[in-house]
């Protein structure tokens, strides 16, 4: 290994490092774009699942209220007779 670096060798090293960093930067941008698309699709599915869960909970609440009202009216009917 040489112990001295000439200006030309330093310039060559600088150019190679810039090329490699540019390549890494390009690869990272492509990777982030792919991951971003996958995350948006995943969050879309989660949002749809949450909307479905809320709809099911609302319907369950309506059914429970109906059962409670029917029970109270039945008890009131029994008390009257």
N, C-alpha and C. Protein backbone atom coordinates (compact mmCIF):
# COMPACT_ATOMS: atom_id res chain seq x y z
N UNK A 1 0.84 -1.18 0.00
CA UNK A 1 0.00 0.00 0.00
C UNK A 1 0.88 1.24 0.00
N UNK A 2 0.48 2.19 -0.81
CA UNK A 2 1.26 3.42 -0.89
C UNK A 2 1.02 4.26 0.35
N UNK A 3 2.03 5.00 0.69
CA UNK A 3 1.89 5.86 1.86
C UNK A 3 1.58 7.30 1.47
N UNK A 4 1.64 7.59 0.21
CA UNK A 4 1.33 8.96 -0.21
C UNK A 4 0.21 8.92 -1.25
N UNK A 5 -0.61 9.91 -1.20
CA UNK A 5 -1.75 10.02 -2.12
C UNK A 5 -1.51 11.25 -2.99
N UNK A 6 -1.57 11.03 -4.29
CA UNK A 6 -1.44 12.17 -5.20
C UNK A 6 -2.80 12.82 -5.37
N UNK A 7 -2.78 14.02 -5.88
CA UNK A 7 -4.05 14.72 -6.11
C UNK A 7 -4.93 13.96 -7.09
N UNK A 8 -4.31 13.34 -8.11
CA UNK A 8 -5.08 12.59 -9.08
C UNK A 8 -5.77 11.38 -8.43
N UNK A 9 -5.02 10.70 -7.56
CA UNK A 9 -5.62 9.53 -6.89
C UNK A 9 -6.75 9.97 -5.97
N UNK A 10 -6.58 11.08 -5.28
CA UNK A 10 -7.64 11.59 -4.42
C UNK A 10 -8.87 11.99 -5.23
N UNK A 11 -8.64 12.60 -6.40
CA UNK A 11 -9.76 12.96 -7.27
C UNK A 11 -10.49 11.72 -7.78
N UNK A 12 -9.73 10.68 -8.13
CA UNK A 12 -10.36 9.42 -8.57
C UNK A 12 -11.19 8.81 -7.44
N UNK A 13 -10.64 8.82 -6.25
CA UNK A 13 -11.36 8.29 -5.10
C UNK A 13 -12.65 9.07 -4.85
N UNK A 14 -12.54 10.38 -4.97
CA UNK A 14 -13.71 11.23 -4.77
C UNK A 14 -14.79 10.92 -5.80
N UNK A 15 -14.41 10.78 -7.05
CA UNK A 15 -15.38 10.47 -8.11
C UNK A 15 -16.05 9.12 -7.88
N UNK A 16 -15.26 8.11 -7.52
CA UNK A 16 -15.83 6.78 -7.27
C UNK A 16 -16.78 6.81 -6.09
N UNK A 17 -16.41 7.54 -5.05
CA UNK A 17 -17.29 7.63 -3.88
C UNK A 17 -18.58 8.35 -4.22
N UNK A 18 -18.50 9.41 -5.02
CA UNK A 18 -19.71 10.12 -5.42
C UNK A 18 -20.62 9.22 -6.26
N UNK A 19 -20.04 8.44 -7.16
CA UNK A 19 -20.82 7.51 -7.97
C UNK A 19 -21.53 6.49 -7.10
N UNK A 20 -20.80 5.96 -6.13
CA UNK A 20 -21.39 4.95 -5.25
C UNK A 20 -22.49 5.56 -4.38
N UNK A 21 -22.26 6.75 -3.86
CA UNK A 21 -23.29 7.40 -3.05
C UNK A 21 -24.52 7.73 -3.89
N UNK A 22 -24.31 8.14 -5.14
CA UNK A 22 -25.44 8.40 -6.03
C UNK A 22 -26.25 7.12 -6.28
N UNK A 23 -25.54 6.01 -6.46
CA UNK A 23 -26.22 4.73 -6.69
C UNK A 23 -27.00 4.30 -5.43
N UNK A 24 -26.38 4.46 -4.27
CA UNK A 24 -27.06 4.11 -3.01
C UNK A 24 -28.27 5.01 -2.82
N UNK A 25 -28.13 6.29 -3.11
CA UNK A 25 -29.24 7.24 -2.97
C UNK A 25 -30.40 6.84 -3.88
N UNK A 26 -30.08 6.47 -5.11
CA UNK A 26 -31.11 6.05 -6.07
C UNK A 26 -31.81 4.78 -5.59
N UNK A 27 -31.03 3.81 -5.11
CA UNK A 27 -31.60 2.56 -4.60
C UNK A 27 -32.49 2.81 -3.39
N UNK A 28 -32.06 3.70 -2.51
CA UNK A 28 -32.85 4.00 -1.31
C UNK A 28 -34.16 4.69 -1.68
N UNK A 29 -34.11 5.62 -2.63
CA UNK A 29 -35.34 6.29 -3.05
C UNK A 29 -36.32 5.29 -3.66
N UNK A 30 -35.82 4.36 -4.45
CA UNK A 30 -36.69 3.34 -5.05
C UNK A 30 -37.28 2.45 -3.95
N UNK A 31 -36.47 2.08 -2.98
CA UNK A 31 -36.95 1.24 -1.88
C UNK A 31 -37.99 1.95 -1.04
N UNK A 32 -37.74 3.24 -0.74
CA UNK A 32 -38.71 4.00 0.05
C UNK A 32 -40.01 4.18 -0.71
N UNK A 33 -39.95 4.37 -2.01
CA UNK A 33 -41.17 4.50 -2.81
C UNK A 33 -41.98 3.21 -2.76
N UNK A 34 -41.30 2.07 -2.85
CA UNK A 34 -41.99 0.78 -2.80
C UNK A 34 -42.63 0.57 -1.43
N UNK A 35 -41.87 0.84 -0.37
CA UNK A 35 -42.39 0.67 0.99
C UNK A 35 -43.55 1.63 1.24
N UNK A 36 -43.44 2.86 0.75
CA UNK A 36 -44.51 3.84 0.92
C UNK A 36 -45.81 3.34 0.28
N UNK A 37 -45.70 2.79 -0.91
CA UNK A 37 -46.88 2.25 -1.58
C UNK A 37 -47.48 1.09 -0.81
N UNK A 38 -46.63 0.20 -0.28
CA UNK A 38 -47.13 -0.93 0.50
C UNK A 38 -47.79 -0.46 1.79
N UNK A 39 -47.21 0.56 2.43
CA UNK A 39 -47.80 1.07 3.67
C UNK A 39 -49.15 1.71 3.41
N UNK A 40 -49.27 2.48 2.33
CA UNK A 40 -50.56 3.10 2.02
C UNK A 40 -51.62 2.04 1.77
N UNK A 41 -51.26 0.98 1.08
CA UNK A 41 -52.22 -0.11 0.82
C UNK A 41 -52.59 -0.79 2.13
N UNK A 42 -51.63 -1.01 2.99
CA UNK A 42 -51.89 -1.65 4.28
C UNK A 42 -52.78 -0.80 5.16
N UNK A 43 -52.51 0.50 5.22
CA UNK A 43 -53.35 1.39 6.03
C UNK A 43 -54.75 1.48 5.45
N UNK A 44 -54.88 1.39 4.15
CA UNK A 44 -56.20 1.38 3.53
C UNK A 44 -57.01 0.17 3.98
N UNK A 45 -56.34 -0.99 4.05
CA UNK A 45 -57.03 -2.20 4.53
C UNK A 45 -57.41 -2.07 6.00
N UNK A 46 -56.53 -1.50 6.81
CA UNK A 46 -56.82 -1.31 8.23
C UNK A 46 -58.00 -0.35 8.40
N UNK A 47 -58.02 0.73 7.64
CA UNK A 47 -59.13 1.68 7.70
C UNK A 47 -60.45 1.00 7.34
N UNK A 48 -60.44 0.16 6.32
CA UNK A 48 -61.66 -0.55 5.92
C UNK A 48 -62.11 -1.51 7.02
N UNK A 49 -61.15 -2.19 7.65
CA UNK A 49 -61.50 -3.09 8.75
C UNK A 49 -62.10 -2.34 9.92
N UNK A 50 -61.55 -1.18 10.24
CA UNK A 50 -62.08 -0.38 11.35
C UNK A 50 -63.49 0.11 11.03
N UNK A 51 -63.73 0.54 9.79
CA UNK A 51 -65.08 0.96 9.41
C UNK A 51 -66.07 -0.19 9.53
N UNK A 52 -65.67 -1.38 9.11
CA UNK A 52 -66.54 -2.56 9.23
C UNK A 52 -66.81 -2.89 10.69
N UNK A 53 -65.79 -2.80 11.54
CA UNK A 53 -65.97 -3.06 12.96
C UNK A 53 -66.93 -2.07 13.59
N UNK A 54 -66.79 -0.80 13.25
CA UNK A 54 -67.70 0.22 13.78
C UNK A 54 -69.13 -0.05 13.33
N UNK A 55 -69.31 -0.46 12.10
CA UNK A 55 -70.65 -0.76 11.59
C UNK A 55 -71.24 -1.95 12.35
N UNK A 56 -70.44 -2.99 12.58
CA UNK A 56 -70.92 -4.15 13.32
C UNK A 56 -71.27 -3.79 14.77
N UNK A 57 -70.45 -2.95 15.40
CA UNK A 57 -70.73 -2.53 16.78
C UNK A 57 -72.01 -1.72 16.85
N UNK A 58 -72.24 -0.86 15.89
CA UNK A 58 -73.46 -0.06 15.87
C UNK A 58 -74.69 -0.97 15.74
N UNK A 59 -74.62 -1.95 14.83
CA UNK A 59 -75.74 -2.87 14.65
C UNK A 59 -75.97 -3.69 15.92
N UNK A 60 -74.89 -4.11 16.56
CA UNK A 60 -75.01 -4.85 17.82
C UNK A 60 -75.66 -4.00 18.91
N UNK A 61 -75.30 -2.72 18.97
CA UNK A 61 -75.89 -1.81 19.94
C UNK A 61 -77.39 -1.67 19.70
N UNK A 62 -77.79 -1.53 18.46
CA UNK A 62 -79.21 -1.41 18.13
C UNK A 62 -79.96 -2.68 18.55
N UNK A 63 -79.38 -3.83 18.30
CA UNK A 63 -80.02 -5.10 18.68
C UNK A 63 -80.15 -5.17 20.20
N UNK A 64 -79.11 -4.82 20.94
CA UNK A 64 -79.17 -4.86 22.40
C UNK A 64 -80.22 -3.90 22.94
N UNK A 65 -80.31 -2.72 22.39
CA UNK A 65 -81.33 -1.76 22.83
C UNK A 65 -82.72 -2.33 22.55
N UNK A 66 -82.89 -2.94 21.41
CA UNK A 66 -84.18 -3.55 21.08
C UNK A 66 -84.54 -4.66 22.06
N UNK A 67 -83.57 -5.48 22.42
CA UNK A 67 -83.82 -6.55 23.38
C UNK A 67 -84.19 -5.98 24.74
N UNK A 68 -83.47 -4.93 25.16
CA UNK A 68 -83.75 -4.31 26.45
C UNK A 68 -85.15 -3.70 26.47
N UNK A 69 -85.53 -3.00 25.43
CA UNK A 69 -86.85 -2.38 25.37
C UNK A 69 -87.93 -3.45 25.40
N UNK A 70 -87.73 -4.53 24.65
CA UNK A 70 -88.69 -5.63 24.63
C UNK A 70 -88.82 -6.24 26.03
N UNK A 71 -87.70 -6.42 26.71
CA UNK A 71 -87.72 -6.96 28.07
C UNK A 71 -88.46 -6.06 29.04
N UNK A 72 -88.19 -4.76 28.99
CA UNK A 72 -88.86 -3.83 29.89
C UNK A 72 -90.36 -3.78 29.62
N UNK A 73 -90.73 -3.79 28.34
CA UNK A 73 -92.16 -3.78 28.01
C UNK A 73 -92.82 -5.08 28.46
N UNK A 74 -92.14 -6.20 28.36
CA UNK A 74 -92.68 -7.47 28.82
C UNK A 74 -92.88 -7.45 30.32
N UNK A 75 -91.89 -6.94 31.06
CA UNK A 75 -92.04 -6.84 32.51
C UNK A 75 -93.17 -5.91 32.89
N UNK A 76 -93.28 -4.79 32.19
CA UNK A 76 -94.35 -3.85 32.48
C UNK A 76 -95.70 -4.49 32.19
N UNK A 77 -95.79 -5.27 31.14
CA UNK A 77 -97.03 -5.97 30.81
C UNK A 77 -97.39 -6.99 31.89
N UNK A 78 -96.39 -7.70 32.41
CA UNK A 78 -96.65 -8.67 33.48
C UNK A 78 -97.11 -7.99 34.76
N UNK A 79 -96.56 -6.83 35.05
CA UNK A 79 -96.93 -6.10 36.27
C UNK A 79 -98.35 -5.57 36.19
N UNK A 80 -98.80 -5.20 35.01
CA UNK A 80 -100.13 -4.63 34.84
C UNK A 80 -101.19 -5.72 35.04
N UNK A 81 -100.92 -6.91 34.58
CA UNK A 81 -101.95 -7.98 34.70
C UNK A 81 -101.88 -8.54 36.02
